[in-house]
Amino acid sequence: MLGHDRSRRRDRLRSVPTSLDSVGPNRRVRVVGVRGRPLLSHRLAALGLVPGVLITVLRNRHPAIVSLGTVRIALSESVARCVDVEDAD
């Protein structure tokens, strides 16, 4: 019973959204949402960064580089800070 509680707690912690700029390189994450002005959300949506999509963080320094399928997208530090993600594993 104790092991089951630990597993649930670990799953709950794993699914807490964090900003993209705080994710280490070579991590696979799921986009949860975009904070900020609607124009930013629309621009990122046009690039394919929408809630639910899986991306791989290739680099988290300025500029952050993420991979979305075969496409690589460079994001400024301020934009990466506005993208909320959760661990996909």
C-alpha atoms as a PDB file:
ATOM      1  CA  MET A   1       0.000   0.000   0.000  1.00  0.00           C
ATOM      2  CA  LEU A   2       2.828   2.389   0.849  1.00  0.00           C
ATOM      3  CA  GLY A   3       4.505   1.857  -2.531  1.00  0.00           C
ATOM      4  CA  HIS A   4       1.236   2.665  -4.302  1.00  0.00           C
ATOM      5  CA  ASP A   5       0.986   6.010  -2.459  1.00  0.00           C
ATOM      6  CA  ARG A   6       4.542   6.921  -3.433  1.00  0.00           C
ATOM      7  CA  SER A   7       3.828   6.092  -7.065  1.00  0.00           C
ATOM      8  CA  ARG A   8       0.725   8.326  -7.109  1.00  0.00           C
ATOM      9  CA  ARG A   9       2.643  11.183  -5.466  1.00  0.00           C
ATOM     10  CA  ARG A  10       5.466  10.855  -8.020  1.00  0.00           C
ATOM     11  CA  ASP A  11       2.922  10.889 -10.895  1.00  0.00           C
ATOM     12  CA  ARG A  12       1.231  13.978  -9.456  1.00  0.00           C
ATOM     13  CA  LEU A  13       4.579  15.797  -9.145  1.00  0.00           C
ATOM     14  CA  ARG A  14       5.563  14.782 -12.660  1.00  0.00           C
ATOM     15  CA  SER A  15       2.432  16.330 -14.150  1.00  0.00           C
ATOM     16  CA  VAL A  16       2.881  19.768 -12.549  1.00  0.00           C
ATOM     17  CA  PRO A  17       3.272  22.287 -15.396  1.00  0.00           C
ATOM     18  CA  THR A  18       6.482  24.290 -15.578  1.00  0.00           C
ATOM     19  CA  SER A  19       7.775  26.849 -18.041  1.00  0.00           C
ATOM     20  CA  LEU A  20       9.730  25.670 -21.068  1.00  0.00           C
ATOM     21  CA  ASP A  21      12.796  27.710 -20.114  1.00  0.00           C
ATOM     22  CA  SER A  22      13.288  25.582 -16.972  1.00  0.00           C
ATOM     23  CA  VAL A  23      13.354  22.223 -18.793  1.00  0.00           C
ATOM     24  CA  GLY A  24      16.736  20.632 -19.388  1.00  0.00           C
ATOM     25  CA  PRO A  25      17.982  19.642 -22.827  1.00  0.00           C
ATOM     26  CA  ASN A  26      17.053  16.312 -24.420  1.00  0.00           C
ATOM     27  CA  ARG A  27      13.759  16.146 -22.495  1.00  0.00           C
ATOM     28  CA  ARG A  28      10.455  15.236 -24.109  1.00  0.00           C
ATOM     29  CA  VAL A  29       7.572  17.366 -22.828  1.00  0.00           C
ATOM     30  CA  ARG A  30       3.929  18.062 -23.614  1.00  0.00           C
ATOM     31  CA  VAL A  31       2.745  21.632 -24.172  1.00  0.00           C
ATOM     32  CA  VAL A  32       0.059  22.522 -21.620  1.00  0.00           C
ATOM     33  CA  GLY A  33      -0.588  26.129 -22.612  1.00  0.00           C
ATOM     34  CA  VAL A  34       0.796  29.519 -23.501  1.00  0.00           C
ATOM     35  CA  ARG A  35       0.581  32.485 -21.145  1.00  0.00           C
ATOM     36  CA  GLY A  36       0.706  36.024 -22.402  1.00  0.00           C
ATOM     37  CA  ARG A  37      -0.916  38.058 -25.106  1.00  0.00           C
ATOM     38  CA  PRO A  38      -3.237  36.390 -27.631  1.00  0.00           C
ATOM     39  CA  LEU A  39      -0.902  37.392 -30.464  1.00  0.00           C
ATOM     40  CA  LEU A  40       1.849  35.235 -28.936  1.00  0.00           C
ATOM     41  CA  SER A  41      -0.502  32.249 -28.626  1.00  0.00           C
ATOM     42  CA  HIS A  42      -1.580  32.663 -32.249  1.00  0.00           C
ATOM     43  CA  ARG A  43       1.990  32.923 -33.533  1.00  0.00           C
ATOM     44  CA  LEU A  44       3.075  29.810 -31.634  1.00  0.00           C
ATOM     45  CA  ALA A  45      -0.060  27.949 -32.783  1.00  0.00           C
ATOM     46  CA  ALA A  46       0.860  28.786 -36.385  1.00  0.00           C
ATOM     47  CA  LEU A  47       4.202  27.069 -35.735  1.00  0.00           C
ATOM     48  CA  GLY A  48       2.450  24.019 -34.266  1.00  0.00           C
ATOM     49  CA  LEU A  49       3.071  24.754 -30.569  1.00  0.00           C
ATOM     50  CA  VAL A  50      -0.423  24.089 -29.257  1.00  0.00           C
ATOM     51  CA  PRO A  51      -1.645  22.400 -26.059  1.00  0.00           C
ATOM     52  CA  GLY A  52      -1.228  18.631 -26.187  1.00  0.00           C
ATOM     53  CA  VAL A  53       1.619  18.517 -28.700  1.00  0.00           C
ATOM     54  CA  LEU A  54       4.809  16.650 -27.757  1.00  0.00           C
ATOM     55  CA  ILE A  55       8.103  18.465 -28.248  1.00  0.00           C
ATOM     56  CA  THR A  56      11.730  17.707 -27.495  1.00  0.00           C
ATOM     57  CA  VAL A  57      13.862  20.402 -25.884  1.00  0.00           C
ATOM     58  CA  LEU A  58      17.159  20.427 -27.769  1.00  0.00           C
ATOM     59  CA  ARG A  59      18.627  23.460 -26.038  1.00  0.00           C
ATOM     60  CA  ASN A  60      17.293  25.565 -23.166  1.00  0.00           C
ATOM     61  CA  ARG A  61      19.793  28.435 -23.348  1.00  0.00           C
ATOM     62  CA  HIS A  62      19.032  31.612 -25.273  1.00  0.00           C
ATOM     63  CA  PRO A  63      17.628  30.962 -27.782  1.00  0.00           C
ATOM     64  CA  ALA A  64      15.787  27.818 -26.694  1.00  0.00           C
ATOM     65  CA  ILE A  65      15.502  25.280 -29.497  1.00  0.00           C
ATOM     66  CA  VAL A  66      12.721  22.713 -29.568  1.00  0.00           C
ATOM     67  CA  SER A  67      11.952  19.952 -32.011  1.00  0.00           C
ATOM     68  CA  LEU A  68       8.404  19.363 -33.167  1.00  0.00           C
ATOM     69  CA  GLY A  69       8.536  16.322 -35.408  1.00  0.00           C
ATOM     70  CA  THR A  70      11.079  17.177 -38.106  1.00  0.00           C
ATOM     71  CA  VAL A  71      10.827  20.928 -37.491  1.00  0.00           C
ATOM     72  CA  ARG A  72      13.151  22.858 -35.188  1.00  0.00           C
ATOM     73  CA  ILE A  73      11.928  26.092 -33.637  1.00  0.00           C
ATOM     74  CA  ALA A  74      14.084  28.722 -31.904  1.00  0.00           C
ATOM     75  CA  LEU A  75      12.375  30.665 -29.118  1.00  0.00           C
ATOM     76  CA  SER A  76      13.603  33.710 -27.250  1.00  0.00           C
ATOM     77  CA  GLU A  77      14.012  33.403 -23.494  1.00  0.00           C
ATOM     78  CA  SER A  78      10.922  35.535 -22.843  1.00  0.00           C
ATOM     79  CA  VAL A  79       8.774  33.412 -25.170  1.00  0.00           C
ATOM     80  CA  ALA A  80      10.079  30.132 -23.685  1.00  0.00           C
ATOM     81  CA  ARG A  81       9.111  31.480 -20.268  1.00  0.00           C
ATOM     82  CA  CYS A  82       5.476  31.842 -21.468  1.00  0.00           C
ATOM     83  CA  VAL A  83       5.121  28.226 -22.687  1.00  0.00           C
ATOM     84  CA  ASP A  84       3.880  25.864 -19.975  1.00  0.00           C
ATOM     85  CA  VAL A  85       4.836  22.201 -20.340  1.00  0.00           C
ATOM     86  CA  GLU A  86       4.676  18.953 -18.410  1.00  0.00           C
ATOM     87  CA  ASP A  87       6.846  15.850 -18.510  1.00  0.00           C
ATOM     88  CA  ALA A  88       5.756  13.498 -21.282  1.00  0.00           C
ATOM     89  CA  ASP A  89       7.411  10.368 -19.848  1.00  0.00           C
END
